[in-house]
Amino acid sequence: MHAVALAGRILFSLMFVHSGVNHFRNRRYMAEYAGQMGVPQPHANVVASGAVIFVGALMVMAGVWGDAGALGLAAFLVVTAIQMHPYWKMRDPQAKQTNQINFWKNISMAGGALVIAAWFMCAPTALAVTRPLLAHWFKTG
């Protein structure tokens, strides 16, 4: 079963590795869009969020403080859902529908990231390089 969990966390993380790289490669375009969505200091925040998701994904994949990496991904996803996909503010039906889909996709992936964080905390030696970083803040019994 640990091999299935390893495969799952690698597959889950691939999108974030790709997206993190994309944050750096296309930071000008992404910062322009982020600025239009009301993100403060969009250039700095695009770079910072790219680093969070890239490093968080690598942490989950490698099992190096995977709990912290997964919680970082979950936080990114919730903030991004609210800031970048506020479908409730949109009047155009197509934009509203697209953003509603992306909002709920981010929220559901945040749920997946929380499950991964819990898995690292509850099965700390299962195909992980390090023990959980944040388990002492949560009861895992």
Protein backbone atom coordinates (compact mmCIF):
# COMPACT_ATOMS: atom_id res chain seq x y z
CA MET A 1 0.00 0.00 0.00
CA HIS A 2 2.89 2.37 0.64
CA ALA A 3 3.91 2.10 -3.03
CA VAL A 4 0.40 3.20 -4.07
CA ALA A 5 0.61 6.20 -1.72
CA LEU A 6 4.05 7.07 -3.12
CA ALA A 7 2.72 6.90 -6.68
CA GLY A 8 -0.26 9.04 -5.68
CA ARG A 9 1.80 11.74 -4.05
CA ILE A 10 4.17 11.85 -7.04
CA LEU A 11 1.29 12.13 -9.50
CA PHE A 12 -0.39 14.77 -7.31
CA SER A 13 2.85 16.79 -7.13
CA LEU A 14 3.72 16.77 -10.84
CA MET A 15 1.22 19.50 -11.64
CA PHE A 16 2.73 21.75 -8.96
CA VAL A 17 6.28 21.18 -10.20
CA HIS A 18 5.15 22.15 -13.68
CA SER A 19 3.17 25.13 -12.41
CA GLY A 20 6.04 26.32 -10.21
CA VAL A 21 8.39 26.31 -13.20
CA ASN A 22 5.70 28.11 -15.19
CA HIS A 23 5.52 30.82 -12.51
CA PHE A 24 9.18 31.59 -13.19
CA ARG A 25 9.17 31.19 -16.98
CA ASN A 26 6.02 33.29 -17.50
CA ARG A 27 6.26 35.55 -14.47
CA ARG A 28 5.66 38.74 -16.46
CA TYR A 29 2.37 37.52 -17.91
CA MET A 30 1.31 35.90 -14.65
CA ALA A 31 2.16 39.03 -12.65
CA GLU A 32 0.14 41.16 -15.05
CA TYR A 33 -2.88 38.90 -14.61
CA ALA A 34 -2.37 38.70 -10.83
CA GLY A 35 -2.28 42.50 -10.71
CA GLN A 36 -5.57 42.64 -12.60
CA MET A 37 -7.04 40.30 -9.99
CA GLY A 38 -5.97 42.65 -7.18
CA VAL A 39 -2.92 40.76 -5.91
CA PRO A 40 -0.60 43.20 -4.10
CA GLN A 41 2.99 43.32 -5.37
CA PRO A 42 2.12 40.88 -8.16
CA HIS A 43 5.69 40.31 -9.44
CA ALA A 44 7.00 39.39 -6.00
CA ASN A 45 3.95 37.27 -5.21
CA VAL A 46 4.17 35.32 -8.46
CA VAL A 47 7.80 34.45 -7.72
CA ALA A 48 7.02 33.63 -4.06
CA SER A 49 4.02 31.47 -4.92
CA GLY A 50 6.03 29.71 -7.62
CA ALA A 51 8.71 28.89 -5.06
CA VAL A 52 6.13 27.67 -2.52
CA ILE A 53 4.46 25.28 -4.92
CA PHE A 54 7.68 24.06 -6.54
CA VAL A 55 9.44 23.38 -3.25
CA GLY A 56 6.27 22.05 -1.61
CA ALA A 57 5.75 19.60 -4.47
CA LEU A 58 9.35 18.38 -4.25
CA MET A 59 8.97 17.91 -0.49
CA VAL A 60 5.85 15.80 -0.99
CA MET A 61 7.42 13.77 -3.80
CA ALA A 62 10.65 13.07 -1.94
CA GLY A 63 9.09 12.59 1.48
CA VAL A 64 11.26 15.30 3.00
CA TRP A 65 9.03 17.03 5.54
CA GLY A 66 6.18 16.05 3.27
CA ASP A 67 3.62 17.21 5.81
CA ALA A 68 4.91 20.78 5.63
CA GLY A 69 5.12 20.63 1.84
CA ALA A 70 1.55 19.37 1.58
CA LEU A 71 0.25 22.03 4.00
CA GLY A 72 2.05 24.70 1.96
CA LEU A 73 0.34 23.42 -1.19
CA ALA A 74 -3.04 23.41 0.57
CA ALA A 75 -2.57 27.01 1.74
CA PHE A 76 -1.55 28.10 -1.76
CA LEU A 77 -4.60 26.41 -3.26
CA VAL A 78 -7.10 28.01 -0.87
CA VAL A 79 -5.61 31.50 -1.25
CA THR A 80 -5.45 31.10 -5.03
CA ALA A 81 -9.05 29.89 -5.20
CA ILE A 82 -10.29 32.93 -3.31
CA GLN A 83 -8.00 35.56 -4.88
CA MET A 84 -7.78 34.38 -8.48
CA HIS A 85 -11.16 32.71 -9.09
CA PRO A 86 -13.83 34.90 -7.41
CA TYR A 87 -16.67 33.65 -9.59
CA TRP A 88 -19.22 35.21 -7.24
CA LYS A 89 -18.04 38.68 -8.38
CA MET A 90 -18.32 37.98 -12.11
CA ARG A 91 -21.18 38.96 -14.37
CA ASP A 92 -20.11 37.37 -17.66
CA PRO A 93 -21.65 33.84 -17.65
CA GLN A 94 -18.69 32.18 -19.38
CA ALA A 95 -16.09 33.82 -17.11
CA LYS A 96 -18.24 33.00 -14.09
CA GLN A 97 -18.54 29.33 -15.05
CA THR A 98 -14.83 28.97 -15.85
CA ASN A 99 -13.82 30.57 -12.57
CA GLN A 100 -16.35 28.56 -10.58
CA ILE A 101 -14.87 25.35 -12.00
CA ASN A 102 -11.32 26.52 -11.20
CA PHE A 103 -12.33 27.67 -7.72
CA TRP A 104 -13.80 24.29 -6.79
CA LYS A 105 -10.94 22.44 -8.48
CA ASN A 106 -8.48 24.31 -6.26
CA ILE A 107 -10.58 23.67 -3.16
CA SER A 108 -10.78 19.94 -3.91
CA MET A 109 -7.01 19.76 -4.55
CA ALA A 110 -6.49 21.54 -1.22
CA GLY A 111 -8.48 18.73 0.37
CA GLY A 112 -6.19 16.22 -1.32
CA ALA A 113 -3.14 18.07 -0.04
CA LEU A 114 -4.56 17.94 3.50
CA VAL A 115 -5.06 14.18 3.16
CA ILE A 116 -1.43 13.86 2.05
CA ALA A 117 -0.28 15.95 5.03
CA ALA A 118 -2.30 13.72 7.37
CA TRP A 119 -0.85 10.61 5.74
CA PHE A 120 2.70 11.84 6.38
CA MET A 121 1.79 12.53 10.01
CA CYS A 122 -0.01 9.21 10.59
CA ALA A 123 2.45 6.98 8.71
CA PRO A 124 5.72 8.85 9.26
CA THR A 125 8.06 6.06 8.20
CA ALA A 126 6.15 5.00 5.07
CA LEU A 127 8.49 5.72 2.16
CA ALA A 128 9.59 9.07 3.57
CA VAL A 129 13.13 10.37 3.97
CA THR A 130 12.38 12.44 7.07
CA ARG A 131 9.86 12.27 9.87
CA PRO A 132 7.03 14.83 9.73
CA LEU A 133 8.06 18.36 10.60
CA LEU A 134 4.74 19.54 12.01
CA ALA A 135 3.34 16.38 13.63
CA HIS A 136 4.08 17.67 17.13
CA TRP A 137 1.50 20.44 16.55
CA PHE A 138 -1.20 17.90 15.70
CA LYS A 139 -2.34 14.84 17.58
CA THR A 140 -1.76 11.86 15.33
CA GLY A 141 -3.02 9.02 17.43
